[in-house]
PDB file of all heavy atoms in Angstrom:
ATOM      1  N   LEU A   1       8.067   2.382   1.142  1.00  0.00           N
ATOM      2  CA  LEU A   1       8.929   1.238   0.801  1.00  0.00           C
ATOM      3  C   LEU A   1       9.556   0.746   2.011  1.00  0.00           C
ATOM      4  O   LEU A   1       9.611  -0.428   2.290  1.00  0.00           O
ATOM      5  CB  LEU A   1       9.961   1.573  -0.279  1.00  0.00           C
ATOM      6  CG  LEU A   1       9.463   1.569  -1.741  1.00  0.00           C
ATOM      7  CD1 LEU A   1      10.559   2.272  -2.576  1.00  0.00           C
ATOM      8  CD2 LEU A   1       9.214   0.198  -2.155  1.00  0.00           C
ATOM      9  N   SER A   2      10.161   1.630   2.735  1.00  0.00           N
ATOM     10  CA  SER A   2      11.008   1.280   4.023  1.00  0.00           C
ATOM     11  C   SER A   2      10.115   0.576   5.024  1.00  0.00           C
ATOM     12  O   SER A   2      10.424  -0.488   5.548  1.00  0.00           O
ATOM     13  CB  SER A   2      11.576   2.506   4.608  1.00  0.00           C
ATOM     14  OG  SER A   2      12.376   2.165   5.707  1.00  0.00           O
ATOM     15  N   GLU A   3       8.949   1.150   5.322  1.00  0.00           N
ATOM     16  CA  GLU A   3       8.088   0.565   6.308  1.00  0.00           C
ATOM     17  C   GLU A   3       7.517  -0.737   5.829  1.00  0.00           C
ATOM     18  O   GLU A   3       7.526  -1.786   6.666  1.00  0.00           O
ATOM     19  CB  GLU A   3       6.874   1.509   6.617  1.00  0.00           C
ATOM     20  CG  GLU A   3       7.291   2.750   7.341  1.00  0.00           C
ATOM     21  CD  GLU A   3       8.125   2.655   8.538  1.00  0.00           C
ATOM     22  OE1 GLU A   3       7.924   1.619   9.235  1.00  0.00           O
ATOM     23  OE2 GLU A   3       8.988   3.507   8.861  1.00  0.00           O
ATOM     24  N   LEU A   4       7.158  -0.941   4.540  1.00  0.00           N
ATOM     25  CA  LEU A   4       6.497  -2.244   4.159  1.00  0.00           C
ATOM     26  C   LEU A   4       7.603  -3.332   4.007  1.00  0.00           C
ATOM     27  O   LEU A   4       7.300  -4.413   4.432  1.00  0.00           O
ATOM     28  CB  LEU A   4       5.822  -1.954   2.808  1.00  0.00           C
ATOM     29  CG  LEU A   4       4.535  -1.088   2.809  1.00  0.00           C
ATOM     30  CD1 LEU A   4       3.971  -0.938   1.467  1.00  0.00           C
ATOM     31  CD2 LEU A   4       3.536  -1.642   3.773  1.00  0.00           C
ATOM     32  N   VAL A   5       8.733  -3.021   3.523  1.00  0.00           N
ATOM     33  CA  VAL A   5       9.793  -3.854   3.580  1.00  0.00           C
ATOM     34  C   VAL A   5      10.327  -4.301   4.969  1.00  0.00           C
ATOM     35  O   VAL A   5      10.548  -5.490   5.230  1.00  0.00           O
ATOM     36  CB  VAL A   5      11.044  -3.438   2.558  1.00  0.00           C
ATOM     37  CG1 VAL A   5      12.261  -4.346   2.674  1.00  0.00           C
ATOM     38  CG2 VAL A   5      10.579  -3.326   1.172  1.00  0.00           C
ATOM     39  N   THR A   6      10.400  -3.424   5.857  1.00  0.00           N
ATOM     40  CA  THR A   6      10.824  -3.791   7.169  1.00  0.00           C
ATOM     41  C   THR A   6       9.841  -4.681   7.823  1.00  0.00           C
ATOM     42  O   THR A   6      10.188  -5.699   8.418  1.00  0.00           O
ATOM     43  CB  THR A   6      10.965  -2.531   8.087  1.00  0.00           C
ATOM     44  OG1 THR A   6      11.897  -1.639   7.597  1.00  0.00           O
ATOM     45  CG2 THR A   6      11.218  -2.774   9.483  1.00  0.00           C
ATOM     46  N   ASN A   7       8.551  -4.383   7.658  1.00  0.00           N
ATOM     47  CA  ASN A   7       7.498  -5.297   8.138  1.00  0.00           C
ATOM     48  C   ASN A   7       7.633  -6.710   7.400  1.00  0.00           C
ATOM     49  O   ASN A   7       7.450  -7.710   8.235  1.00  0.00           O
ATOM     50  CB  ASN A   7       6.160  -4.757   7.908  1.00  0.00           C
ATOM     51  CG  ASN A   7       5.752  -3.629   8.858  1.00  0.00           C
ATOM     52  OD1 ASN A   7       6.506  -3.452   9.880  1.00  0.00           O
ATOM     53  ND2 ASN A   7       4.555  -2.998   8.578  1.00  0.00           N
ATOM     54  N   ALA A   8       7.788  -6.780   6.197  1.00  0.00           N
ATOM     55  CA  ALA A   8       7.989  -8.108   5.509  1.00  0.00           C
ATOM     56  C   ALA A   8       9.104  -8.828   6.045  1.00  0.00           C
ATOM     57  O   ALA A   8       9.107 -10.017   6.281  1.00  0.00           O
ATOM     58  CB  ALA A   8       8.062  -7.834   4.003  1.00  0.00           C
ATOM     59  N   MET A   9      10.305  -8.208   6.261  1.00  0.00           N
ATOM     60  CA  MET A   9      11.518  -8.798   6.725  1.00  0.00           C
ATOM     61  C   MET A   9      11.206  -9.316   8.190  1.00  0.00           C
ATOM     62  O   MET A   9      11.623 -10.476   8.611  1.00  0.00           O
ATOM     63  CB  MET A   9      12.630  -7.893   6.775  1.00  0.00           C
ATOM     64  CG  MET A   9      13.219  -7.625   5.422  1.00  0.00           C
ATOM     65  SD  MET A   9      13.897  -9.161   4.677  1.00  0.00           S
ATOM     66  CE  MET A   9      14.718  -8.449   3.272  1.00  0.00           C
ATOM     67  N   ARG A  10      10.517  -8.548   8.978  1.00  0.00           N
ATOM     68  CA  ARG A  10      10.385  -8.831  10.383  1.00  0.00           C
ATOM     69  C   ARG A  10       9.230  -9.999  10.640  1.00  0.00           C
ATOM     70  O   ARG A  10       9.375 -10.761  11.391  1.00  0.00           O
ATOM     71  CB  ARG A  10      10.088  -7.642  11.204  1.00  0.00           C
ATOM     72  CG  ARG A  10       9.878  -7.848  12.681  1.00  0.00           C
ATOM     73  CD  ARG A  10       9.785  -6.555  13.481  1.00  0.00           C
ATOM     74  NE  ARG A  10      10.894  -5.579  13.254  1.00  0.00           N
ATOM     75  CZ  ARG A  10      12.193  -5.739  13.910  1.00  0.00           C
ATOM     76  NH1 ARG A  10      12.409  -6.787  14.649  1.00  0.00           N
ATOM     77  NH2 ARG A  10      13.102  -4.923  13.623  1.00  0.00           N
ATOM     78  N   TYR A  11       8.160  -9.865   9.913  1.00  0.00           N
ATOM     79  CA  TYR A  11       7.002 -10.656  10.155  1.00  0.00           C
ATOM     80  C   TYR A  11       6.754 -11.776   9.037  1.00  0.00           C
ATOM     81  O   TYR A  11       5.771 -12.548   9.247  1.00  0.00           O
ATOM     82  CB  TYR A  11       5.757  -9.866  10.417  1.00  0.00           C
ATOM     83  CG  TYR A  11       5.917  -8.871  11.435  1.00  0.00           C
ATOM     84  CD1 TYR A  11       6.032  -7.598  11.265  1.00  0.00           C
ATOM     85  CD2 TYR A  11       6.122  -9.258  12.787  1.00  0.00           C
ATOM     86  CE1 TYR A  11       6.166  -6.568  12.285  1.00  0.00           C
ATOM     87  CE2 TYR A  11       6.240  -8.402  13.805  1.00  0.00           C
ATOM     88  CZ  TYR A  11       6.387  -7.067  13.494  1.00  0.00           C
ATOM     89  OH  TYR A  11       6.605  -6.175  14.537  1.00  0.00           O
ATOM     90  N   GLY A  12       7.299 -11.544   7.833  1.00  0.00           N
ATOM     91  CA  GLY A  12       6.986 -12.396   6.752  1.00  0.00           C
ATOM     92  C   GLY A  12       7.569 -13.866   6.967  1.00  0.00           C
ATOM     93  O   GLY A  12       8.377 -14.108   7.788  1.00  0.00           O
ATOM     94  N   GLN A  13       7.124 -14.831   6.155  1.00  0.00           N
ATOM     95  CA  GLN A  13       7.501 -16.140   6.314  1.00  0.00           C
ATOM     96  C   GLN A  13       8.148 -16.761   5.118  1.00  0.00           C
ATOM     97  O   GLN A  13       8.773 -17.766   5.208  1.00  0.00           O
ATOM     98  CB  GLN A  13       6.231 -17.025   6.668  1.00  0.00           C
ATOM     99  CG  GLN A  13       5.693 -16.689   7.990  1.00  0.00           C
ATOM    100  CD  GLN A  13       4.382 -17.406   8.250  1.00  0.00           C
ATOM    101  OE1 GLN A  13       4.010 -18.341   7.532  1.00  0.00           O
ATOM    102  NE2 GLN A  13       3.748 -17.114   9.341  1.00  0.00           N
ATOM    103  N   GLY A  14       8.092 -16.182   3.994  1.00  0.00           N
ATOM    104  CA  GLY A  14       8.720 -16.699   2.767  1.00  0.00           C
ATOM    105  C   GLY A  14      10.259 -16.607   2.748  1.00  0.00           C
ATOM    106  O   GLY A  14      10.749 -15.807   3.411  1.00  0.00           O
ATOM    107  N   PRO A  15      10.881 -17.346   1.792  1.00  0.00           N
ATOM    108  CA  PRO A  15      12.281 -17.293   1.739  1.00  0.00           C
ATOM    109  C   PRO A  15      12.744 -15.997   0.965  1.00  0.00           C
ATOM    110  O   PRO A  15      13.940 -15.523   1.058  1.00  0.00           O
ATOM    111  CB  PRO A  15      12.637 -18.533   0.865  1.00  0.00           C
ATOM    112  CG  PRO A  15      11.377 -18.713   0.060  1.00  0.00           C
ATOM    113  CD  PRO A  15      10.242 -18.333   0.978  1.00  0.00           C
ATOM    114  N   VAL A  16      11.827 -15.190   0.384  1.00  0.00           N
ATOM    115  CA  VAL A  16      12.088 -13.946  -0.273  1.00  0.00           C
ATOM    116  C   VAL A  16      11.102 -12.943   0.058  1.00  0.00           C
ATOM    117  O   VAL A  16       9.977 -13.278   0.381  1.00  0.00           O
ATOM    118  CB  VAL A  16      12.229 -14.155  -1.860  1.00  0.00           C
ATOM    119  CG1 VAL A  16      13.469 -15.023  -2.217  1.00  0.00           C
ATOM    120  CG2 VAL A  16      10.969 -14.528  -2.519  1.00  0.00           C
ATOM    121  N   VAL A  17      11.399 -11.678  -0.127  1.00  0.00           N
ATOM    122  CA  VAL A  17      10.467 -10.671  -0.105  1.00  0.00           C
ATOM    123  C   VAL A  17      10.371 -10.036  -1.468  1.00  0.00           C
ATOM    124  O   VAL A  17      11.456  -9.676  -2.108  1.00  0.00           O
ATOM    125  CB  VAL A  17      10.859  -9.511   0.939  1.00  0.00           C
ATOM    126  CG1 VAL A  17      10.089  -8.341   0.832  1.00  0.00           C
ATOM    127  CG2 VAL A  17      10.762 -10.129   2.322  1.00  0.00           C
ATOM    128  N   GLY A  18       9.159  -9.947  -2.059  1.00  0.00           N
ATOM    129  CA  GLY A  18       9.053  -9.433  -3.385  1.00  0.00           C
ATOM    130  C   GLY A  18       8.587  -7.902  -3.239  1.00  0.00           C
ATOM    131  O   GLY A  18       7.792  -7.558  -2.431  1.00  0.00           O
ATOM    132  N   VAL A  19       9.165  -7.109  -4.180  1.00  0.00           N
ATOM    133  CA  VAL A  19       8.791  -5.587  -4.035  1.00  0.00           C
ATOM    134  C   VAL A  19       8.457  -5.265  -5.547  1.00  0.00           C
ATOM    135  O   VAL A  19       9.172  -5.492  -6.507  1.00  0.00           O
ATOM    136  CB  VAL A  19       9.995  -4.774  -3.575  1.00  0.00           C
ATOM    137  CG1 VAL A  19       9.568  -3.362  -3.607  1.00  0.00           C
ATOM    138  CG2 VAL A  19      10.320  -5.212  -2.204  1.00  0.00           C
ATOM    139  N   ARG A  20       7.295  -4.643  -5.688  1.00  0.00           N
ATOM    140  CA  ARG A  20       6.873  -4.074  -6.992  1.00  0.00           C
ATOM    141  C   ARG A  20       6.621  -2.585  -6.795  1.00  0.00           C
ATOM    142  O   ARG A  20       5.965  -2.357  -5.834  1.00  0.00           O
ATOM    143  CB  ARG A  20       5.675  -4.790  -7.510  1.00  0.00           C
ATOM    144  CG  ARG A  20       5.878  -6.220  -7.916  1.00  0.00           C
ATOM    145  CD  ARG A  20       4.600  -6.788  -8.626  1.00  0.00           C
ATOM    146  NE  ARG A  20       4.351  -6.130  -9.817  1.00  0.00           N
ATOM    147  CZ  ARG A  20       3.161  -5.955 -10.386  1.00  0.00           C
ATOM    148  NH1 ARG A  20       2.124  -6.391  -9.769  1.00  0.00           N
ATOM    149  NH2 ARG A  20       3.079  -5.298 -11.513  1.00  0.00           N
ATOM    150  N   LEU A  21       7.113  -1.894  -7.793  1.00  0.00           N
ATOM    151  CA  LEU A  21       6.809  -0.495  -7.867  1.00  0.00           C
ATOM    152  C   LEU A  21       6.389  -0.142  -9.332  1.00  0.00           C
ATOM    153  O   LEU A  21       7.173  -0.410 -10.188  1.00  0.00           O
ATOM    154  CB  LEU A  21       8.115   0.481  -7.525  1.00  0.00           C
ATOM    155  CG  LEU A  21       8.041   1.921  -7.537  1.00  0.00           C
ATOM    156  CD1 LEU A  21       7.138   2.435  -6.472  1.00  0.00           C
ATOM    157  CD2 LEU A  21       9.420   2.496  -7.295  1.00  0.00           C
ATOM    158  N   TYR A  22       5.229   0.293  -9.364  1.00  0.00           N
ATOM    159  CA  TYR A  22       4.697   0.483 -10.826  1.00  0.00           C
ATOM    160  C   TYR A  22       3.693   1.663 -10.847  1.00  0.00           C
ATOM    161  O   TYR A  22       3.130   2.088  -9.699  1.00  0.00           O
ATOM    162  CB  TYR A  22       4.087  -0.738 -11.420  1.00  0.00           C
ATOM    163  CG  TYR A  22       2.946  -1.237 -10.702  1.00  0.00           C
ATOM    164  CD1 TYR A  22       1.627  -0.957 -10.981  1.00  0.00           C
ATOM    165  CD2 TYR A  22       3.058  -2.137  -9.615  1.00  0.00           C
ATOM    166  CE1 TYR A  22       0.552  -1.406 -10.411  1.00  0.00           C
ATOM    167  CE2 TYR A  22       1.920  -2.609  -8.959  1.00  0.00           C
ATOM    168  CZ  TYR A  22       0.715  -2.335  -9.308  1.00  0.00           C
ATOM    169  OH  TYR A  22      -0.419  -2.781  -8.647  1.00  0.00           O
ATOM    170  N   GLY A  23       3.464   2.173 -11.922  1.00  0.00           N
ATOM    171  CA  GLY A  23       2.550   3.399 -12.000  1.00  0.00           C
ATOM    172  C   GLY A  23       1.719   3.440 -13.267  1.00  0.00           C
ATOM    173  O   GLY A  23       2.029   2.780 -14.252  1.00  0.00           O
ATOM    174  N   THR A  24       0.734   4.417 -13.101  1.00  0.00           N
ATOM    175  CA  THR A  24      -0.019   4.734 -14.303  1.00  0.00           C
ATOM    176  C   THR A  24       0.099   6.325 -14.297  1.00  0.00           C
ATOM    177  O   THR A  24       0.907   6.927 -13.572  1.00  0.00           O
ATOM    178  CB  THR A  24      -1.461   4.359 -14.044  1.00  0.00           C
ATOM    179  OG1 THR A  24      -1.970   5.118 -12.975  1.00  0.00           O
ATOM    180  CG2 THR A  24      -1.598   2.917 -13.730  1.00  0.00           C
ATOM    181  N   ALA A  25      -0.669   6.869 -15.203  1.00  0.00           N
ATOM    182  CA  ALA A  25      -0.593   8.370 -15.265  1.00  0.00           C
ATOM    183  C   ALA A  25      -1.072   9.076 -14.088  1.00  0.00           C
ATOM    184  O   ALA A  25      -0.622  10.208 -13.660  1.00  0.00           O
ATOM    185  CB  ALA A  25      -1.369   8.825 -16.465  1.00  0.00           C
ATOM    186  N   SER A  26      -1.857   8.344 -13.300  1.00  0.00           N
ATOM    187  CA  SER A  26      -2.492   8.964 -12.096  1.00  0.00           C
ATOM    188  C   SER A  26      -2.014   8.452 -10.743  1.00  0.00           C
ATOM    189  O   SER A  26      -2.135   9.123  -9.767  1.00  0.00           O
ATOM    190  CB  SER A  26      -4.002   8.865 -12.150  1.00  0.00           C
ATOM    191  OG  SER A  26      -4.459   7.590 -12.189  1.00  0.00           O
ATOM    192  N   HIS A  27      -1.476   7.277 -10.605  1.00  0.00           N
ATOM    193  CA  HIS A  27      -1.183   6.597  -9.444  1.00  0.00           C
ATOM    194  C   HIS A  27       0.270   5.834  -9.503  1.00  0.00           C
ATOM    195  O   HIS A  27       0.610   5.354 -10.556  1.00  0.00           O
ATOM    196  CB  HIS A  27      -2.209   5.602  -8.963  1.00  0.00           C
ATOM    197  CG  HIS A  27      -3.423   6.275  -8.599  1.00  0.00           C
ATOM    198  ND1 HIS A  27      -4.419   6.464  -9.394  1.00  0.00           N
ATOM    199  CD2 HIS A  27      -3.713   6.891  -7.424  1.00  0.00           C
ATOM    200  CE1 HIS A  27      -5.466   7.194  -8.799  1.00  0.00           C
ATOM    201  NE2 HIS A  27      -5.084   7.393  -7.512  1.00  0.00           N
ATOM    202  N   LEU A  28       0.822   5.784  -8.339  1.00  0.00           N
ATOM    203  CA  LEU A  28       2.028   5.006  -8.181  1.00  0.00           C
ATOM    204  C   LEU A  28       1.718   3.925  -7.173  1.00  0.00           C
ATOM    205  O   LEU A  28       1.161   4.255  -6.071  1.00  0.00           O
ATOM    206  CB  LEU A  28       3.204   5.869  -7.675  1.00  0.00           C
ATOM    207  CG  LEU A  28       4.631   5.206  -7.757  1.00  0.00           C
ATOM    208  CD1 LEU A  28       5.016   4.968  -9.151  1.00  0.00           C
ATOM    209  CD2 LEU A  28       5.543   6.047  -7.054  1.00  0.00           C
ATOM    210  N   CYS A  29       2.078   2.709  -7.431  1.00  0.00           N
ATOM    211  CA  CYS A  29       1.616   1.514  -6.525  1.00  0.00           C
ATOM    212  C   CYS A  29       2.863   0.830  -5.966  1.00  0.00           C
ATOM    213  O   CYS A  29       3.823   0.674  -6.816  1.00  0.00           O
ATOM    214  CB  CYS A  29       0.812   0.680  -7.327  1.00  0.00           C
ATOM    215  SG  CYS A  29      -0.868   1.291  -7.848  1.00  0.00           S
ATOM    216  N   ILE A  30       2.810   0.487  -4.776  1.00  0.00           N
ATOM    217  CA  ILE A  30       3.903  -0.287  -4.193  1.00  0.00           C
ATOM    218  C   ILE A  30       3.191  -1.604  -3.563  1.00  0.00           C
ATOM    219  O   ILE A  30       2.180  -1.491  -3.011  1.00  0.00           O
ATOM    220  CB  ILE A  30       4.497   0.450  -2.929  1.00  0.00           C
ATOM    221  CG1 ILE A  30       5.206   1.788  -3.407  1.00  0.00           C
ATOM    222  CG2 ILE A  30       5.494  -0.436  -2.189  1.00  0.00           C
ATOM    223  CD1 ILE A  30       5.609   2.755  -2.284  1.00  0.00           C
ATOM    224  N   GLU A  31       3.864  -2.701  -3.928  1.00  0.00           N
ATOM    225  CA  GLU A  31       3.348  -3.959  -3.442  1.00  0.00           C
ATOM    226  C   GLU A  31       4.532  -4.737  -2.826  1.00  0.00           C
ATOM    227  O   GLU A  31       5.637  -4.787  -3.435  1.00  0.00           O
ATOM    228  CB  GLU A  31       2.782  -4.903  -4.634  1.00  0.00           C
ATOM    229  CG  GLU A  31       1.626  -4.343  -5.215  1.00  0.00           C
ATOM    230  CD  GLU A  31       1.151  -5.144  -6.408  1.00  0.00           C
ATOM    231  OE1 GLU A  31       1.826  -6.226  -6.664  1.00  0.00           O
ATOM    232  OE2 GLU A  31       0.148  -4.874  -6.959  1.00  0.00           O
ATOM    233  N   VAL A  32       4.372  -5.252  -1.603  1.00  0.00           N
ATOM    234  CA  VAL A  32       5.428  -6.000  -0.886  1.00  0.00           C
ATOM    235  C   VAL A  32       4.718  -7.359  -0.494  1.00  0.00           C
ATOM    236  O   VAL A  32       3.820  -7.387   0.210  1.00  0.00           O
ATOM    237  CB  VAL A  32       5.940  -5.210   0.311  1.00  0.00           C
ATOM    238  CG1 VAL A  32       6.970  -6.060   1.027  1.00  0.00           C
ATOM    239  CG2 VAL A  32       6.608  -4.004  -0.150  1.00  0.00           C
ATOM    240  N   THR A  33       5.437  -8.366  -1.049  1.00  0.00           N
ATOM    241  CA  THR A  33       4.920  -9.803  -0.716  1.00  0.00           C
ATOM    242  C   THR A  33       5.881 -10.463   0.118  1.00  0.00           C
ATOM    243  O   THR A  33       7.142 -10.454  -0.088  1.00  0.00           O
ATOM    244  CB  THR A  33       4.854 -10.520  -2.122  1.00  0.00           C
ATOM    245  OG1 THR A  33       4.066  -9.774  -3.055  1.00  0.00           O
ATOM    246  CG2 THR A  33       4.267 -11.912  -2.026  1.00  0.00           C
TER     247      THR A  33
END
């Protein structure tokens, strides 16, 4: 989370950074827009 959010803040272009954390029984997913 820290690395992906830092990159989004430093290199992103949008007015917001979106963060999703979700999971299934077998995996946990992180998405940073």
